[in-house]
Amino acid sequence: MQVKLFEVRDRATLIPCFGVLLGRDGDEPMPVAEKFLLRRAGFGYSGAHVLFGRLEGGECQYDAYGWGGDHGRTIAQAHRYVSEHWDELESGAVVDVEHVLGETAEAKRTEREGS
């Protein structure tokens, strides 16, 4: 299992989020207990899934298309992007939803540079 943190950005928005990569063996084999628990939760052995949520708490999802309500755009799109680009992203990366959707030509920079 791998955990990464993300600075999810959108119009006038910064949401600290986390992602947990489930169901993929890395350099070392996944422990039997983890395989068992993932399978019991319905993940099976096919492919990896990213559990995604807000760091300040609340809902988290393994299904990037399962977000609804207030999460419909920003969190859902960030989750899809992180799931598709997991290996390219480092912990702490900025995920700019406006840029991902092609609404801006340049991706936002991290807010931590200004603090």
Protein backbone atom coordinates (compact mmCIF):
# COMPACT_ATOMS: atom_id res chain seq x y z
CA MET A 1 0.00 0.00 0.00
CA GLN A 2 1.19 3.48 -0.82
CA VAL A 3 -0.08 6.81 0.57
CA LYS A 4 0.34 10.22 -1.08
CA LEU A 5 -0.96 13.68 -0.20
CA PHE A 6 -2.22 16.14 -2.82
CA GLU A 7 -2.96 19.86 -3.05
CA VAL A 8 -6.18 19.81 -5.06
CA ARG A 9 -6.84 23.17 -6.71
CA ASP A 10 -9.78 24.57 -8.65
CA ARG A 11 -11.37 28.02 -9.03
CA ALA A 12 -10.56 29.84 -5.77
CA THR A 13 -10.17 26.45 -4.09
CA LEU A 14 -7.46 24.49 -2.28
CA ILE A 15 -8.42 21.14 -0.76
CA PRO A 16 -5.79 19.04 1.04
CA CYS A 17 -6.44 15.42 -0.01
CA PHE A 18 -4.95 11.97 0.39
CA GLY A 19 -4.76 8.95 -1.87
CA VAL A 20 -4.06 5.37 -0.86
CA LEU A 21 -3.11 2.92 -3.58
CA LEU A 22 -4.83 -0.38 -2.81
CA GLY A 23 -4.41 -3.78 -4.39
CA ARG A 24 -1.11 -3.54 -6.18
CA ASP A 25 2.07 -5.30 -5.18
CA GLY A 26 5.03 -2.96 -5.31
CA ASP A 27 8.59 -4.19 -5.11
CA GLU A 28 7.56 -6.51 -2.29
CA PRO A 29 4.65 -8.95 -2.30
CA MET A 30 1.47 -7.72 -0.64
CA PRO A 31 0.94 -9.33 2.77
CA VAL A 32 -1.64 -12.12 2.81
CA ALA A 33 -3.72 -10.28 5.42
CA GLU A 34 -4.00 -7.21 3.14
CA LYS A 35 -5.00 -9.34 0.16
CA PHE A 36 -7.65 -11.05 2.27
CA LEU A 37 -9.11 -7.79 3.61
CA LEU A 38 -9.16 -6.11 0.19
CA ARG A 39 -10.92 -9.13 -1.26
CA ARG A 40 -13.48 -9.16 1.58
CA ALA A 41 -14.16 -5.47 0.86
CA GLY A 42 -14.90 -6.37 -2.77
CA PHE A 43 -11.69 -5.30 -4.47
CA GLY A 44 -10.60 -8.72 -5.73
CA TYR A 45 -7.21 -9.17 -7.31
CA SER A 46 -7.69 -7.37 -10.61
CA GLY A 47 -5.92 -4.05 -10.80
CA ALA A 48 -5.26 -1.32 -8.30
CA HIS A 49 -7.66 1.19 -6.81
CA VAL A 50 -7.04 4.58 -5.26
CA LEU A 51 -8.95 5.37 -2.08
CA PHE A 52 -9.28 9.16 -2.15
CA GLY A 53 -10.53 11.71 0.35
CA ARG A 54 -10.16 15.05 2.05
CA LEU A 55 -7.48 15.26 4.74
CA GLU A 56 -9.78 17.20 7.06
CA GLY A 57 -12.17 14.27 7.11
CA GLY A 58 -15.52 13.36 5.71
CA GLU A 59 -16.26 11.04 2.84
CA CYS A 60 -13.68 9.02 0.95
CA GLN A 61 -14.23 6.87 -2.12
CA TYR A 62 -12.43 4.15 -4.04
CA ASP A 63 -14.67 4.80 -7.08
CA ALA A 64 -13.67 8.04 -8.81
CA TYR A 65 -17.15 8.12 -10.38
CA GLY A 66 -18.91 7.64 -7.03
CA TRP A 67 -18.56 11.25 -5.88
CA GLY A 68 -21.75 13.25 -5.82
CA GLY A 69 -23.22 16.40 -4.34
CA ASP A 70 -20.68 19.09 -3.53
CA HIS A 71 -17.84 16.82 -4.65
CA GLY A 72 -19.13 16.43 -8.19
CA ARG A 73 -16.49 18.44 -10.01
CA THR A 74 -13.37 19.17 -7.99
CA ILE A 75 -12.86 16.03 -5.91
CA ALA A 76 -14.21 13.65 -8.56
CA GLN A 77 -11.96 15.04 -11.30
CA ALA A 78 -8.93 15.13 -8.99
CA HIS A 79 -9.60 11.50 -7.99
CA ARG A 80 -9.79 10.40 -11.64
CA TYR A 81 -6.59 12.28 -12.46
CA VAL A 82 -4.69 10.85 -9.48
CA SER A 83 -5.91 7.31 -10.30
CA GLU A 84 -4.71 7.63 -13.91
CA HIS A 85 -1.37 9.31 -13.06
CA TRP A 86 -0.47 7.72 -9.71
CA ASP A 87 3.07 6.69 -10.70
CA GLU A 88 3.86 10.14 -12.15
CA LEU A 89 2.72 12.11 -9.09
CA GLU A 90 4.79 12.70 -5.98
CA SER A 91 3.29 13.20 -2.55
CA GLY A 92 2.52 16.91 -2.16
CA ALA A 93 1.80 17.40 -5.88
CA VAL A 94 -0.66 20.04 -7.04
CA VAL A 95 -3.64 18.65 -8.96
CA ASP A 96 -5.18 21.64 -10.76
CA VAL A 97 -8.67 20.64 -11.91
CA GLU A 98 -9.07 23.68 -14.18
CA HIS A 99 -5.84 22.74 -15.97
CA VAL A 100 -6.72 19.04 -16.13
CA LEU A 101 -10.02 19.95 -17.80
CA GLY A 102 -8.27 22.23 -20.30
CA GLU A 103 -9.85 25.41 -18.90
CA THR A 104 -6.47 27.06 -18.26
CA ALA A 105 -3.27 26.88 -20.27
CA GLU A 106 -0.97 26.77 -17.25
CA ALA A 107 -1.29 24.73 -14.08
CA LYS A 108 -1.49 26.52 -10.75
CA ARG A 109 1.56 26.51 -8.52
CA THR A 110 1.49 25.37 -4.94
CA GLU A 111 0.23 27.84 -2.35
CA ARG A 112 2.99 26.73 0.01
CA GLU A 113 5.46 28.86 -2.00
CA GLY A 114 3.69 31.98 -0.77
CA SER A 115 3.61 31.00 2.89
